[in-house]
């Protein structure tokens, strides 16, 4: 995140601020494909997998970006309620690093995915 100092009285820093805002606007328009995000997710999960909860393996299956303003990501998992807040922050910070989204607000939702074998016996 950049800091820009301005002075309305001396009329200083306005051009730098406008330049910074234009750059930030371009970054906010960034649309990431699901395949890019899933490749990122695979690398991130290999580096630091989510710990098990109550003996159950928490599987994070895939990620997508349905909206760009604000940057909104949806992560699908078998047990979304088991994902810790610290791990959510970790994923958001890794997305910021990987895709250069510094200064952009990121919203991330976690949803459950259907188990195709749930009704079969």
PDB file of N, CA and C in Angstrom:
ATOM      1  N   UNK A   1       0.849  -1.165   0.000  1.00  0.00           N
ATOM      2  CA  UNK A   1       0.000   0.000   0.000  1.00  0.00           C
ATOM      3  C   UNK A   1       0.895   1.228   0.000  1.00  0.00           C
ATOM      4  N   UNK A   2       0.552   2.180  -0.821  1.00  0.00           N
ATOM      5  CA  UNK A   2       1.338   3.401  -0.938  1.00  0.00           C
ATOM      6  C   UNK A   2       0.707   4.512  -0.116  1.00  0.00           C
ATOM      7  N   UNK A   3       1.570   5.390   0.360  1.00  0.00           N
ATOM      8  CA  UNK A   3       1.124   6.563   1.101  1.00  0.00           C
ATOM      9  C   UNK A   3       1.475   7.776   0.265  1.00  0.00           C
ATOM     10  N   UNK A   4       0.516   8.664   0.121  1.00  0.00           N
ATOM     11  CA  UNK A   4       0.727   9.869  -0.671  1.00  0.00           C
ATOM     12  C   UNK A   4       0.431  11.076   0.209  1.00  0.00           C
ATOM     13  N   UNK A   5       1.384  11.977   0.301  1.00  0.00           N
ATOM     14  CA  UNK A   5       1.218  13.181   1.106  1.00  0.00           C
ATOM     15  C   UNK A   5       0.770  14.318   0.202  1.00  0.00           C
ATOM     16  N   UNK A   6      -0.255  15.042   0.649  1.00  0.00           N
ATOM     17  CA  UNK A   6      -0.756  16.157  -0.148  1.00  0.00           C
ATOM     18  C   UNK A   6      -0.919  17.386   0.739  1.00  0.00           C
ATOM     19  N   UNK A   7      -0.956  18.540   0.087  1.00  0.00           N
ATOM     20  CA  UNK A   7      -1.219  19.795   0.777  1.00  0.00           C
ATOM     21  C   UNK A   7      -2.103  20.639  -0.131  1.00  0.00           C
ATOM     22  N   UNK A   8      -3.329  20.894   0.308  1.00  0.00           N
ATOM     23  CA  UNK A   8      -4.236  21.729  -0.472  1.00  0.00           C
ATOM     24  C   UNK A   8      -3.773  23.186  -0.421  1.00  0.00           C
ATOM     25  N   UNK A   9      -3.206  23.575   0.705  1.00  0.00           N
ATOM     26  CA  UNK A   9      -2.756  24.954   0.878  1.00  0.00           C
ATOM     27  C   UNK A   9      -1.609  25.288  -0.074  1.00  0.00           C
ATOM     28  N   UNK A  10      -0.641  24.368  -0.186  1.00  0.00           N
ATOM     29  CA  UNK A  10       0.523  24.594  -1.054  1.00  0.00           C
ATOM     30  C   UNK A  10       0.327  23.993  -2.446  1.00  0.00           C
ATOM     31  N   UNK A  11      -0.805  23.315  -2.647  1.00  0.00           N
ATOM     32  CA  UNK A  11      -1.123  22.662  -3.921  1.00  0.00           C
ATOM     33  C   UNK A  11      -0.033  21.677  -4.326  1.00  0.00           C
ATOM     34  N   UNK A  12       0.360  20.839  -3.377  1.00  0.00           N
ATOM     35  CA  UNK A  12       1.399  19.850  -3.629  1.00  0.00           C
ATOM     36  C   UNK A  12       0.840  18.443  -3.468  1.00  0.00           C
ATOM     37  N   UNK A  13       1.340  17.537  -4.285  1.00  0.00           N
ATOM     38  CA  UNK A  13       1.019  16.124  -4.162  1.00  0.00           C
ATOM     39  C   UNK A  13      -0.266  15.686  -4.841  1.00  0.00           C
ATOM     40  N   UNK A  14      -0.993  16.621  -5.421  1.00  0.00           N
ATOM     41  CA  UNK A  14      -2.267  16.268  -6.059  1.00  0.00           C
ATOM     42  C   UNK A  14      -2.029  15.383  -7.280  1.00  0.00           C
ATOM     43  N   UNK A  15      -1.038  15.730  -8.097  1.00  0.00           N
ATOM     44  CA  UNK A  15      -0.746  14.931  -9.297  1.00  0.00           C
ATOM     45  C   UNK A  15      -0.326  13.510  -8.932  1.00  0.00           C
ATOM     46  N   UNK A  16       0.508  13.386  -7.894  1.00  0.00           N
ATOM     47  CA  UNK A  16       0.947  12.057  -7.461  1.00  0.00           C
ATOM     48  C   UNK A  16      -0.237  11.238  -6.947  1.00  0.00           C
ATOM     49  N   UNK A  17      -1.134  11.903  -6.209  1.00  0.00           N
ATOM     50  CA  UNK A  17      -2.314  11.217  -5.687  1.00  0.00           C
ATOM     51  C   UNK A  17      -3.209  10.736  -6.825  1.00  0.00           C
ATOM     52  N   UNK A  18      -3.426  11.578  -7.818  1.00  0.00           N
ATOM     53  CA  UNK A  18      -4.267  11.185  -8.952  1.00  0.00           C
ATOM     54  C   UNK A  18      -3.636  10.027  -9.725  1.00  0.00           C
ATOM     55  N   UNK A  19      -2.323  10.062  -9.875  1.00  0.00           N
ATOM     56  CA  UNK A  19      -1.620   8.964 -10.546  1.00  0.00           C
ATOM     57  C   UNK A  19      -1.781   7.661  -9.769  1.00  0.00           C
ATOM     58  N   UNK A  20      -1.646   7.751  -8.457  1.00  0.00           N
ATOM     59  CA  UNK A  20      -1.812   6.578  -7.596  1.00  0.00           C
ATOM     60  C   UNK A  20      -3.235   6.028  -7.683  1.00  0.00           C
ATOM     61  N   UNK A  21      -4.224   6.910  -7.711  1.00  0.00           N
ATOM     62  CA  UNK A  21      -5.621   6.476  -7.812  1.00  0.00           C
ATOM     63  C   UNK A  21      -5.912   5.817  -9.159  1.00  0.00           C
ATOM     64  N   UNK A  22      -5.304   6.326 -10.227  1.00  0.00           N
ATOM     65  CA  UNK A  22      -5.485   5.703 -11.547  1.00  0.00           C
ATOM     66  C   UNK A  22      -4.900   4.296 -11.569  1.00  0.00           C
ATOM     67  N   UNK A  23      -3.723   4.130 -10.962  1.00  0.00           N
ATOM     68  CA  UNK A  23      -3.111   2.796 -10.890  1.00  0.00           C
ATOM     69  C   UNK A  23      -3.982   1.846 -10.073  1.00  0.00           C
ATOM     70  N   UNK A  24      -4.491   2.336  -8.954  1.00  0.00           N
ATOM     71  CA  UNK A  24      -5.345   1.519  -8.098  1.00  0.00           C
ATOM     72  C   UNK A  24      -6.637   1.137  -8.819  1.00  0.00           C
ATOM     73  N   UNK A  25      -7.165   2.057  -9.616  1.00  0.00           N
ATOM     74  CA  UNK A  25      -8.375   1.776 -10.386  1.00  0.00           C
ATOM     75  C   UNK A  25      -8.130   0.654 -11.393  1.00  0.00           C
ATOM     76  N   UNK A  26      -6.962   0.668 -12.028  1.00  0.00           N
ATOM     77  CA  UNK A  26      -6.618  -0.407 -12.975  1.00  0.00           C
ATOM     78  C   UNK A  26      -6.484  -1.750 -12.265  1.00  0.00           C
ATOM     79  N   UNK A  27      -5.887  -1.733 -11.076  1.00  0.00           N
ATOM     80  CA  UNK A  27      -5.731  -2.975 -10.312  1.00  0.00           C
ATOM     81  C   UNK A  27      -7.101  -3.507  -9.891  1.00  0.00           C
ATOM     82  N   UNK A  28      -8.024  -2.601  -9.532  1.00  0.00           N
ATOM     83  CA  UNK A  28      -9.368  -3.024  -9.113  1.00  0.00           C
ATOM     84  C   UNK A  28     -10.140  -3.690 -10.242  1.00  0.00           C
ATOM     85  N   UNK A  29      -9.808  -3.373 -11.477  1.00  0.00           N
ATOM     86  CA  UNK A  29     -10.501  -3.944 -12.634  1.00  0.00           C
ATOM     87  C   UNK A  29      -9.981  -5.326 -13.009  1.00  0.00           C
ATOM     88  N   UNK A  30      -8.994  -5.813 -12.285  1.00  0.00           N
ATOM     89  CA  UNK A  30      -8.344  -7.078 -12.640  1.00  0.00           C
ATOM     90  C   UNK A  30      -9.290  -8.259 -12.447  1.00  0.00           C
ATOM     91  N   UNK A  31      -9.530  -8.996 -13.523  1.00  0.00           N
ATOM     92  CA  UNK A  31     -10.351 -10.211 -13.486  1.00  0.00           C
ATOM     93  C   UNK A  31      -9.417 -11.404 -13.604  1.00  0.00           C
ATOM     94  N   UNK A  32      -9.520 -12.320 -12.665  1.00  0.00           N
ATOM     95  CA  UNK A  32      -8.674 -13.510 -12.661  1.00  0.00           C
ATOM     96  C   UNK A  32      -9.507 -14.704 -13.096  1.00  0.00           C
ATOM     97  N   UNK A  33      -8.963 -15.494 -13.999  1.00  0.00           N
ATOM     98  CA  UNK A  33      -9.700 -16.664 -14.477  1.00  0.00           C
ATOM     99  C   UNK A  33      -9.731 -17.735 -13.389  1.00  0.00           C
ATOM    100  N   UNK A  34     -10.717 -18.596 -13.473  1.00  0.00           N
ATOM    101  CA  UNK A  34     -10.850 -19.676 -12.496  1.00  0.00           C
ATOM    102  C   UNK A  34      -9.649 -20.607 -12.556  1.00  0.00           C
ATOM    103  N   UNK A  35      -9.115 -20.836 -13.754  1.00  0.00           N
ATOM    104  CA  UNK A  35      -7.941 -21.722 -13.860  1.00  0.00           C
ATOM    105  C   UNK A  35      -6.722 -21.100 -13.192  1.00  0.00           C
ATOM    106  N   UNK A  36      -6.527 -19.790 -13.354  1.00  0.00           N
ATOM    107  CA  UNK A  36      -5.423 -19.103 -12.664  1.00  0.00           C
ATOM    108  C   UNK A  36      -5.577 -19.236 -11.150  1.00  0.00           C
ATOM    109  N   UNK A  37      -6.794 -19.004 -10.688  1.00  0.00           N
ATOM    110  CA  UNK A  37      -7.057 -19.072  -9.252  1.00  0.00           C
ATOM    111  C   UNK A  37      -6.883 -20.485  -8.715  1.00  0.00           C
ATOM    112  N   UNK A  38      -7.315 -21.483  -9.479  1.00  0.00           N
ATOM    113  CA  UNK A  38      -7.170 -22.866  -9.017  1.00  0.00           C
ATOM    114  C   UNK A  38      -5.713 -23.315  -9.016  1.00  0.00           C
ATOM    115  N   UNK A  39      -4.924 -22.847  -9.981  1.00  0.00           N
ATOM    116  CA  UNK A  39      -3.482 -23.133  -9.951  1.00  0.00           C
ATOM    117  C   UNK A  39      -2.846 -22.505  -8.716  1.00  0.00           C
ATOM    118  N   UNK A  40      -3.230 -21.269  -8.433  1.00  0.00           N
ATOM    119  CA  UNK A  40      -2.753 -20.595  -7.224  1.00  0.00           C
ATOM    120  C   UNK A  40      -3.153 -21.385  -5.979  1.00  0.00           C
ATOM    121  N   UNK A  41      -4.416 -21.831  -5.940  1.00  0.00           N
ATOM    122  CA  UNK A  41      -4.929 -22.558  -4.778  1.00  0.00           C
ATOM    123  C   UNK A  41      -4.172 -23.860  -4.566  1.00  0.00           C
ATOM    124  N   UNK A  42      -3.882 -24.573  -5.640  1.00  0.00           N
ATOM    125  CA  UNK A  42      -3.131 -25.826  -5.534  1.00  0.00           C
ATOM    126  C   UNK A  42      -1.751 -25.584  -4.939  1.00  0.00           C
ATOM    127  N   UNK A  43      -1.055 -24.569  -5.440  1.00  0.00           N
ATOM    128  CA  UNK A  43       0.278 -24.243  -4.926  1.00  0.00           C
ATOM    129  C   UNK A  43       0.204 -23.833  -3.453  1.00  0.00           C
ATOM    130  N   UNK A  44      -0.776 -23.021  -3.122  1.00  0.00           N
ATOM    131  CA  UNK A  44      -0.918 -22.530  -1.753  1.00  0.00           C
ATOM    132  C   UNK A  44      -1.252 -23.663  -0.791  1.00  0.00           C
ATOM    133  N   UNK A  45      -2.151 -24.561  -1.202  1.00  0.00           N
ATOM    134  CA  UNK A  45      -2.521 -25.683  -0.336  1.00  0.00           C
ATOM    135  C   UNK A  45      -1.377 -26.669  -0.174  1.00  0.00           C
ATOM    136  N   UNK A  46      -0.555 -26.834  -1.209  1.00  0.00           N
ATOM    137  CA  UNK A  46       0.618 -27.709  -1.087  1.00  0.00           C
ATOM    138  C   UNK A  46       1.631 -27.127  -0.110  1.00  0.00           C
ATOM    139  N   UNK A  47       1.749 -25.807  -0.132  1.00  0.00           N
ATOM    140  CA  UNK A  47       2.701 -25.130   0.747  1.00  0.00           C
ATOM    141  C   UNK A  47       2.234 -25.148   2.205  1.00  0.00           C
ATOM    142  N   UNK A  48       0.932 -24.927   2.394  1.00  0.00           N
ATOM    143  CA  UNK A  48       0.389 -24.832   3.757  1.00  0.00           C
ATOM    144  C   UNK A  48      -1.052 -25.350   3.769  1.00  0.00           C
ATOM    145  N   UNK A  49      -1.252 -26.667   3.928  1.00  0.00           N
ATOM    146  CA  UNK A  49      -2.612 -27.218   3.918  1.00  0.00           C
ATOM    147  C   UNK A  49      -3.389 -26.848   5.179  1.00  0.00           C
ATOM    148  N   UNK A  50      -4.698 -26.848   5.055  1.00  0.00           N
ATOM    149  CA  UNK A  50      -5.554 -26.564   6.208  1.00  0.00           C
ATOM    150  C   UNK A  50      -5.492 -27.745   7.171  1.00  0.00           C
ATOM    151  N   UNK A  51      -5.380 -27.492   8.473  1.00  0.00           N
ATOM    152  CA  UNK A  51      -5.340 -28.603   9.440  1.00  0.00           C
ATOM    153  C   UNK A  51      -6.693 -29.310   9.534  1.00  0.00           C
ATOM    154  N   UNK A  52      -6.653 -30.564   9.952  1.00  0.00           N
ATOM    155  CA  UNK A  52      -7.882 -31.334  10.154  1.00  0.00           C
ATOM    156  C   UNK A  52      -8.661 -30.770  11.333  1.00  0.00           C
ATOM    157  N   UNK A  53      -9.967 -30.968  11.305  1.00  0.00           N
ATOM    158  CA  UNK A  53     -10.829 -30.495  12.388  1.00  0.00           C
ATOM    159  C   UNK A  53     -11.652 -31.680  12.868  1.00  0.00           C
ATOM    160  N   UNK A  54     -11.534 -32.007  14.139  1.00  0.00           N
ATOM    161  CA  UNK A  54     -12.260 -33.129  14.739  1.00  0.00           C
ATOM    162  C   UNK A  54     -12.015 -34.435  13.982  1.00  0.00           C
ATOM    163  N   UNK A  55     -10.811 -34.614  13.502  1.00  0.00           N
ATOM    164  CA  UNK A  55     -10.458 -35.828  12.769  1.00  0.00           C
ATOM    165  C   UNK A  55     -10.939 -35.844  11.331  1.00  0.00           C
ATOM    166  N   UNK A  56     -11.574 -34.785  10.885  1.00  0.00           N
ATOM    167  CA  UNK A  56     -12.078 -34.715   9.513  1.00  0.00           C
ATOM    168  C   UNK A  56     -11.154 -33.862   8.664  1.00  0.00           C
ATOM    169  N   UNK A  57     -10.932 -34.323   7.467  1.00  0.00           N
ATOM    170  CA  UNK A  57     -10.080 -33.605   6.532  1.00  0.00           C
ATOM    171  C   UNK A  57     -10.885 -32.486   5.868  1.00  0.00           C
ATOM    172  N   UNK A  58     -10.401 -31.263   6.000  1.00  0.00           N
ATOM    173  CA  UNK A  58     -11.048 -30.117   5.363  1.00  0.00           C
ATOM    174  C   UNK A  58     -10.443 -29.972   3.976  1.00  0.00           C
ATOM    175  N   UNK A  59     -11.246 -30.199   2.962  1.00  0.00           N
ATOM    176  CA  UNK A  59     -10.774 -30.115   1.579  1.00  0.00           C
ATOM    177  C   UNK A  59     -11.275 -28.823   0.958  1.00  0.00           C
ATOM    178  N   UNK A  60     -10.343 -28.019   0.503  1.00  0.00           N
ATOM    179  CA  UNK A  60     -10.699 -26.815  -0.233  1.00  0.00           C
ATOM    180  C   UNK A  60     -10.621 -27.204  -1.698  1.00  0.00           C
ATOM    181  N   UNK A  61     -11.758 -27.158  -2.386  1.00  0.00           N
ATOM    182  CA  UNK A  61     -11.859 -27.755  -3.712  1.00  0.00           C
ATOM    183  C   UNK A  61     -11.505 -26.800  -4.842  1.00  0.00           C
ATOM    184  N   UNK A  62     -12.134 -25.628  -4.878  1.00  0.00           N
ATOM    185  CA  UNK A  62     -11.791 -24.673  -5.929  1.00  0.00           C
ATOM    186  C   UNK A  62     -12.198 -23.268  -5.521  1.00  0.00           C
ATOM    187  N   UNK A  63     -11.742 -22.297  -6.330  1.00  0.00           N
ATOM    188  CA  UNK A  63     -11.978 -20.882  -6.050  1.00  0.00           C
ATOM    189  C   UNK A  63     -12.371 -20.201  -7.359  1.00  0.00           C
ATOM    190  N   UNK A  64     -13.247 -19.221  -7.251  1.00  0.00           N
ATOM    191  CA  UNK A  64     -13.656 -18.455  -8.422  1.00  0.00           C
ATOM    192  C   UNK A  64     -13.843 -16.989  -8.030  1.00  0.00           C
ATOM    193  N   UNK A  65     -13.881 -16.110  -9.027  1.00  0.00           N
ATOM    194  CA  UNK A  65     -14.052 -14.676  -8.786  1.00  0.00           C
ATOM    195  C   UNK A  65     -15.321 -14.200  -9.503  1.00  0.00           C
ATOM    196  N   UNK A  66     -16.459 -14.142  -8.798  1.00  0.00           N
ATOM    197  CA  UNK A  66     -17.697 -13.727  -9.461  1.00  0.00           C
ATOM    198  C   UNK A  66     -17.808 -12.219  -9.697  1.00  0.00           C
ATOM    199  N   UNK A  67     -17.149 -11.399  -8.875  1.00  0.00           N
ATOM    200  CA  UNK A  67     -17.234  -9.937  -9.017  1.00  0.00           C
ATOM    201  C   UNK A  67     -15.839  -9.327  -8.955  1.00  0.00           C
ATOM    202  N   UNK A  68     -15.706  -8.144  -9.592  1.00  0.00           N
ATOM    203  CA  UNK A  68     -14.405  -7.473  -9.543  1.00  0.00           C
ATOM    204  C   UNK A  68     -14.433  -6.171  -8.745  1.00  0.00           C
ATOM    205  N   UNK A  69     -15.566  -5.591  -8.510  1.00  0.00           N
ATOM    206  CA  UNK A  69     -15.643  -4.350  -7.730  1.00  0.00           C
ATOM    207  C   UNK A  69     -16.622  -4.518  -6.593  1.00  0.00           C
ATOM    208  N   UNK A  70     -16.217  -4.734  -5.390  1.00  0.00           N
ATOM    209  CA  UNK A  70     -14.854  -5.016  -4.938  1.00  0.00           C
ATOM    210  C   UNK A  70     -14.461  -6.438  -5.308  1.00  0.00           C
ATOM    211  N   UNK A  71     -13.174  -6.694  -5.258  1.00  0.00           N
ATOM    212  CA  UNK A  71     -12.688  -8.035  -5.581  1.00  0.00           C
ATOM    213  C   UNK A  71     -13.348  -9.038  -4.645  1.00  0.00           C
ATOM    214  N   UNK A  72     -14.049  -9.970  -5.234  1.00  0.00           N
ATOM    215  CA  UNK A  72     -14.829 -10.935  -4.466  1.00  0.00           C
ATOM    216  C   UNK A  72     -14.461 -12.332  -4.940  1.00  0.00           C
ATOM    217  N   UNK A  73     -14.085 -13.178  -4.001  1.00  0.00           N
ATOM    218  CA  UNK A  73     -13.708 -14.550  -4.316  1.00  0.00           C
ATOM    219  C   UNK A  73     -14.616 -15.490  -3.535  1.00  0.00           C
ATOM    220  N   UNK A  74     -14.970 -16.601  -4.172  1.00  0.00           N
ATOM    221  CA  UNK A  74     -15.769 -17.629  -3.513  1.00  0.00           C
ATOM    222  C   UNK A  74     -14.950 -18.909  -3.513  1.00  0.00           C
ATOM    223  N   UNK A  75     -14.773 -19.478  -2.323  1.00  0.00           N
ATOM    224  CA  UNK A  75     -13.996 -20.702  -2.146  1.00  0.00           C
ATOM    225  C   UNK A  75     -14.967 -21.814  -1.753  1.00  0.00           C
ATOM    226  N   UNK A  76     -14.866 -22.945  -2.450  1.00  0.00           N
ATOM    227  CA  UNK A  76     -15.740 -24.083  -2.172  1.00  0.00           C
ATOM    228  C   UNK A  76     -14.969 -25.148  -1.412  1.00  0.00           C
ATOM    229  N   UNK A  77     -15.613 -25.662  -0.369  1.00  0.00           N
ATOM    230  CA  UNK A  77     -14.975 -26.631   0.516  1.00  0.00           C
ATOM    231  C   UNK A  77     -16.014 -27.642   0.992  1.00  0.00           C
ATOM    232  N   UNK A  78     -15.524 -28.795   1.472  1.00  0.00           N
ATOM    233  CA  UNK A  78     -16.455 -29.785   2.013  1.00  0.00           C
ATOM    234  C   UNK A  78     -16.983 -29.371   3.391  1.00  0.00           C
ATOM    235  N   UNK A  79     -16.204 -28.638   4.164  1.00  0.00           N
ATOM    236  CA  UNK A  79     -16.626 -28.155   5.485  1.00  0.00           C
ATOM    237  C   UNK A  79     -16.263 -26.674   5.624  1.00  0.00           C
ATOM    238  N   UNK A  80     -17.019 -25.773   5.001  1.00  0.00           N
ATOM    239  CA  UNK A  80     -16.646 -24.352   5.060  1.00  0.00           C
ATOM    240  C   UNK A  80     -16.685 -23.770   6.472  1.00  0.00           C
ATOM    241  N   UNK A  81     -17.532 -24.302   7.334  1.00  0.00           N
ATOM    242  CA  UNK A  81     -17.616 -23.764   8.699  1.00  0.00           C
ATOM    243  C   UNK A  81     -16.394 -24.136   9.536  1.00  0.00           C
ATOM    244  N   UNK A  82     -15.626 -25.127   9.107  1.00  0.00           N
ATOM    245  CA  UNK A  82     -14.437 -25.555   9.845  1.00  0.00           C
ATOM    246  C   UNK A  82     -13.194 -24.718   9.503  1.00  0.00           C
ATOM    247  N   UNK A  83     -13.269 -23.903   8.472  1.00  0.00           N
ATOM    248  CA  UNK A  83     -12.091 -23.136   8.056  1.00  0.00           C
ATOM    249  C   UNK A  83     -11.879 -21.987   9.039  1.00  0.00           C
ATOM    250  N   UNK A  84     -10.701 -21.953   9.620  1.00  0.00           N
ATOM    251  CA  UNK A  84     -10.372 -20.967  10.651  1.00  0.00           C
ATOM    252  C   UNK A  84     -10.188 -19.578  10.039  1.00  0.00           C
ATOM    253  N   UNK A  85     -10.456 -18.553  10.849  1.00  0.00           N
ATOM    254  CA  UNK A  85     -10.273 -17.172  10.401  1.00  0.00           C
ATOM    255  C   UNK A  85      -8.825 -16.900  10.020  1.00  0.00           C
ATOM    256  N   UNK A  86      -7.894 -17.479  10.759  1.00  0.00           N
ATOM    257  CA  UNK A  86      -6.477 -17.264  10.451  1.00  0.00           C
ATOM    258  C   UNK A  86      -6.132 -17.837   9.076  1.00  0.00           C
ATOM    259  N   UNK A  87      -6.748 -18.953   8.712  1.00  0.00           N
ATOM    260  CA  UNK A  87      -6.488 -19.548   7.397  1.00  0.00           C
ATOM    261  C   UNK A  87      -7.156 -18.722   6.297  1.00  0.00           C
ATOM    262  N   UNK A  88      -8.295 -18.124   6.591  1.00  0.00           N
ATOM    263  CA  UNK A  88      -8.950 -17.231   5.629  1.00  0.00           C
ATOM    264  C   UNK A  88      -8.058 -16.022   5.353  1.00  0.00           C
ATOM    265  N   UNK A  89      -7.495 -15.442   6.422  1.00  0.00           N
ATOM    266  CA  UNK A  89      -6.577 -14.303   6.250  1.00  0.00           C
ATOM    267  C   UNK A  89      -5.348 -14.715   5.461  1.00  0.00           C
ATOM    268  N   UNK A  90      -4.854 -15.923   5.722  1.00  0.00           N
ATOM    269  CA  UNK A  90      -3.698 -16.441   4.993  1.00  0.00           C
ATOM    270  C   UNK A  90      -3.997 -16.500   3.496  1.00  0.00           C
ATOM    271  N   UNK A  91      -5.163 -17.024   3.119  1.00  0.00           N
ATOM    272  CA  UNK A  91      -5.520 -17.112   1.699  1.00  0.00           C
ATOM    273  C   UNK A  91      -5.651 -15.726   1.067  1.00  0.00           C
ATOM    274  N   UNK A  92      -6.267 -14.793   1.777  1.00  0.00           N
ATOM    275  CA  UNK A  92      -6.408 -13.431   1.252  1.00  0.00           C
ATOM    276  C   UNK A  92      -5.045 -12.788   1.061  1.00  0.00           C
ATOM    277  N   UNK A  93      -4.157 -12.933   2.035  1.00  0.00           N
ATOM    278  CA  UNK A  93      -2.815 -12.353   1.923  1.00  0.00           C
ATOM    279  C   UNK A  93      -2.019 -12.984   0.791  1.00  0.00           C
ATOM    280  N   UNK A  94      -2.170 -14.290   0.600  1.00  0.00           N
ATOM    281  CA  UNK A  94      -1.466 -14.960  -0.500  1.00  0.00           C
ATOM    282  C   UNK A  94      -2.002 -14.502  -1.854  1.00  0.00           C
ATOM    283  N   UNK A  95      -3.304 -14.271  -1.963  1.00  0.00           N
ATOM    284  CA  UNK A  95      -3.879 -13.741  -3.209  1.00  0.00           C
ATOM    285  C   UNK A  95      -3.318 -12.355  -3.481  1.00  0.00           C
ATOM    286  N   UNK A  96      -3.244 -11.527  -2.436  1.00  0.00           N
ATOM    287  CA  UNK A  96      -2.684 -10.177  -2.607  1.00  0.00           C
ATOM    288  C   UNK A  96      -1.250 -10.234  -3.127  1.00  0.00           C
ATOM    289  N   UNK A  97      -0.451 -11.133  -2.540  1.00  0.00           N
ATOM    290  CA  UNK A  97       0.956 -11.248  -2.959  1.00  0.00           C
ATOM    291  C   UNK A  97       1.075 -11.759  -4.385  1.00  0.00           C
ATOM    292  N   UNK A  98       0.384 -12.842  -4.672  1.00  0.00           N
ATOM    293  CA  UNK A  98       0.523 -13.523  -5.962  1.00  0.00           C
ATOM    294  C   UNK A  98       0.041 -12.661  -7.128  1.00  0.00           C
ATOM    295  N   UNK A  99      -1.095 -11.981  -6.961  1.00  0.00           N
ATOM    296  CA  UNK A  99      -1.708 -11.252  -8.067  1.00  0.00           C
ATOM    297  C   UNK A  99      -1.563  -9.739  -7.949  1.00  0.00           C
ATOM    298  N   UNK A 100      -0.686  -9.278  -7.049  1.00  0.00           N
ATOM    299  CA  UNK A 100      -0.383  -7.859  -6.884  1.00  0.00           C
ATOM    300  C   UNK A 100      -1.658  -7.034  -6.671  1.00  0.00           C
ATOM    301  N   UNK A 101      -2.415  -7.377  -5.663  1.00  0.00           N
ATOM    302  CA  UNK A 101      -3.659  -6.680  -5.342  1.00  0.00           C
ATOM    303  C   UNK A 101      -3.515  -5.829  -4.082  1.00  0.00           C
ATOM    304  N   UNK A 102      -2.342  -5.247  -3.882  1.00  0.00           N
ATOM    305  CA  UNK A 102      -2.109  -4.400  -2.708  1.00  0.00           C
ATOM    306  C   UNK A 102      -2.984  -3.158  -2.780  1.00  0.00           C
ATOM    307  N   UNK A 103      -3.624  -2.835  -1.669  1.00  0.00           N
ATOM    308  CA  UNK A 103      -4.473  -1.655  -1.607  1.00  0.00           C
ATOM    309  C   UNK A 103      -5.893  -1.898  -2.084  1.00  0.00           C
ATOM    310  N   UNK A 104      -6.191  -3.112  -2.521  1.00  0.00           N
ATOM    311  CA  UNK A 104      -7.523  -3.443  -3.029  1.00  0.00           C
ATOM    312  C   UNK A 104      -8.280  -4.220  -1.953  1.00  0.00           C
ATOM    313  N   UNK A 105      -9.491  -3.785  -1.608  1.00  0.00           N
ATOM    314  CA  UNK A 105     -10.263  -4.566  -0.640  1.00  0.00           C
ATOM    315  C   UNK A 105     -10.673  -5.904  -1.251  1.00  0.00           C
ATOM    316  N   UNK A 106     -10.498  -6.966  -0.490  1.00  0.00           N
ATOM    317  CA  UNK A 106     -10.825  -8.310  -0.969  1.00  0.00           C
ATOM    318  C   UNK A 106     -11.883  -8.905  -0.055  1.00  0.00           C
ATOM    319  N   UNK A 107     -12.924  -9.404  -0.672  1.00  0.00           N
ATOM    320  CA  UNK A 107     -13.979 -10.107   0.058  1.00  0.00           C
ATOM    321  C   UNK A 107     -13.905 -11.574  -0.333  1.00  0.00           C
ATOM    322  N   UNK A 108     -13.942 -12.452   0.654  1.00  0.00           N
ATOM    323  CA  UNK A 108     -13.845 -13.884   0.376  1.00  0.00           C
ATOM    324  C   UNK A 108     -14.948 -14.610   1.140  1.00  0.00           C
ATOM    325  N   UNK A 109     -15.750 -15.363   0.396  1.00  0.00           N
ATOM    326  CA  UNK A 109     -16.805 -16.174   0.995  1.00  0.00           C
ATOM    327  C   UNK A 109     -16.441 -17.641   0.853  1.00  0.00           C
ATOM    328  N   UNK A 110     -16.856 -18.425   1.831  1.00  0.00           N
ATOM    329  CA  UNK A 110     -16.612 -19.870   1.809  1.00  0.00           C
ATOM    330  C   UNK A 110     -17.957 -20.575   1.766  1.00  0.00           C
ATOM    331  N   UNK A 111     -18.090 -21.463   0.790  1.00  0.00           N
ATOM    332  CA  UNK A 111     -19.349 -22.184   0.606  1.00  0.00           C
ATOM    333  C   UNK A 111     -19.099 -23.679   0.568  1.00  0.00           C
ATOM    334  N   UNK A 112     -20.129 -24.405   0.924  1.00  0.00           N
ATOM    335  CA  UNK A 112     -20.048 -25.862   0.875  1.00  0.00           C
ATOM    336  C   UNK A 112     -20.307 -26.364  -0.530  1.00  0.00           C
ATOM    337  N   UNK A 113     -19.709 -27.476  -0.842  1.00  0.00           N
ATOM    338  CA  UNK A 113     -19.968 -28.107  -2.132  1.00  0.00           C
ATOM    339  C   UNK A 113     -20.746 -29.389  -1.881  1.00  0.00           C
ATOM    340  N   UNK A 114     -21.546 -29.769  -2.839  1.00  0.00           N
ATOM    341  CA  UNK A 114     -22.382 -30.959  -2.686  1.00  0.00           C
ATOM    342  C   UNK A 114     -21.551 -32.223  -2.779  1.00  0.00           C
ATOM    343  N   UNK A 115     -21.899 -33.178  -1.943  1.00  0.00           N
ATOM    344  CA  UNK A 115     -21.266 -34.488  -1.979  1.00  0.00           C
ATOM    345  C   UNK A 115     -22.116 -35.380  -2.882  1.00  0.00           C
ATOM    346  N   UNK A 116     -21.578 -35.813  -4.028  1.00  0.00           N
ATOM    347  CA  UNK A 116     -22.388 -36.615  -4.956  1.00  0.00           C
ATOM    348  C   UNK A 116     -22.740 -37.991  -4.405  1.00  0.00           C
ATOM    349  N   UNK A 117     -22.048 -38.456  -3.376  1.00  0.00           N
ATOM    350  CA  UNK A 117     -22.286 -39.793  -2.822  1.00  0.00           C
ATOM    351  C   UNK A 117     -23.135 -39.767  -1.554  1.00  0.00           C
ATOM    352  N   UNK A 118     -23.620 -38.600  -1.181  1.00  0.00           N
ATOM    353  CA  UNK A 118     -24.346 -38.456   0.077  1.00  0.00           C
ATOM    354  C   UNK A 118     -25.618 -39.313   0.124  1.00  0.00           C
ATOM    355  N   UNK A 119     -26.368 -39.350  -0.960  1.00  0.00           N
ATOM    356  CA  UNK A 119     -27.637 -40.077  -0.975  1.00  0.00           C
ATOM    357  C   UNK A 119     -27.496 -41.544  -1.362  1.00  0.00           C
ATOM    358  N   UNK A 120     -26.341 -41.927  -1.901  1.00  0.00           N
ATOM    359  CA  UNK A 120     -26.134 -43.320  -2.307  1.00  0.00           C
ATOM    360  C   UNK A 120     -25.822 -44.180  -1.093  1.00  0.00           C
ATOM    361  N   UNK A 121     -26.262 -45.428  -1.154  1.00  0.00           N
ATOM    362  CA  UNK A 121     -25.967 -46.345  -0.045  1.00  0.00           C
ATOM    363  C   UNK A 121     -25.230 -47.547  -0.530  1.00  0.00           C
TER     364      UNK A 121
END
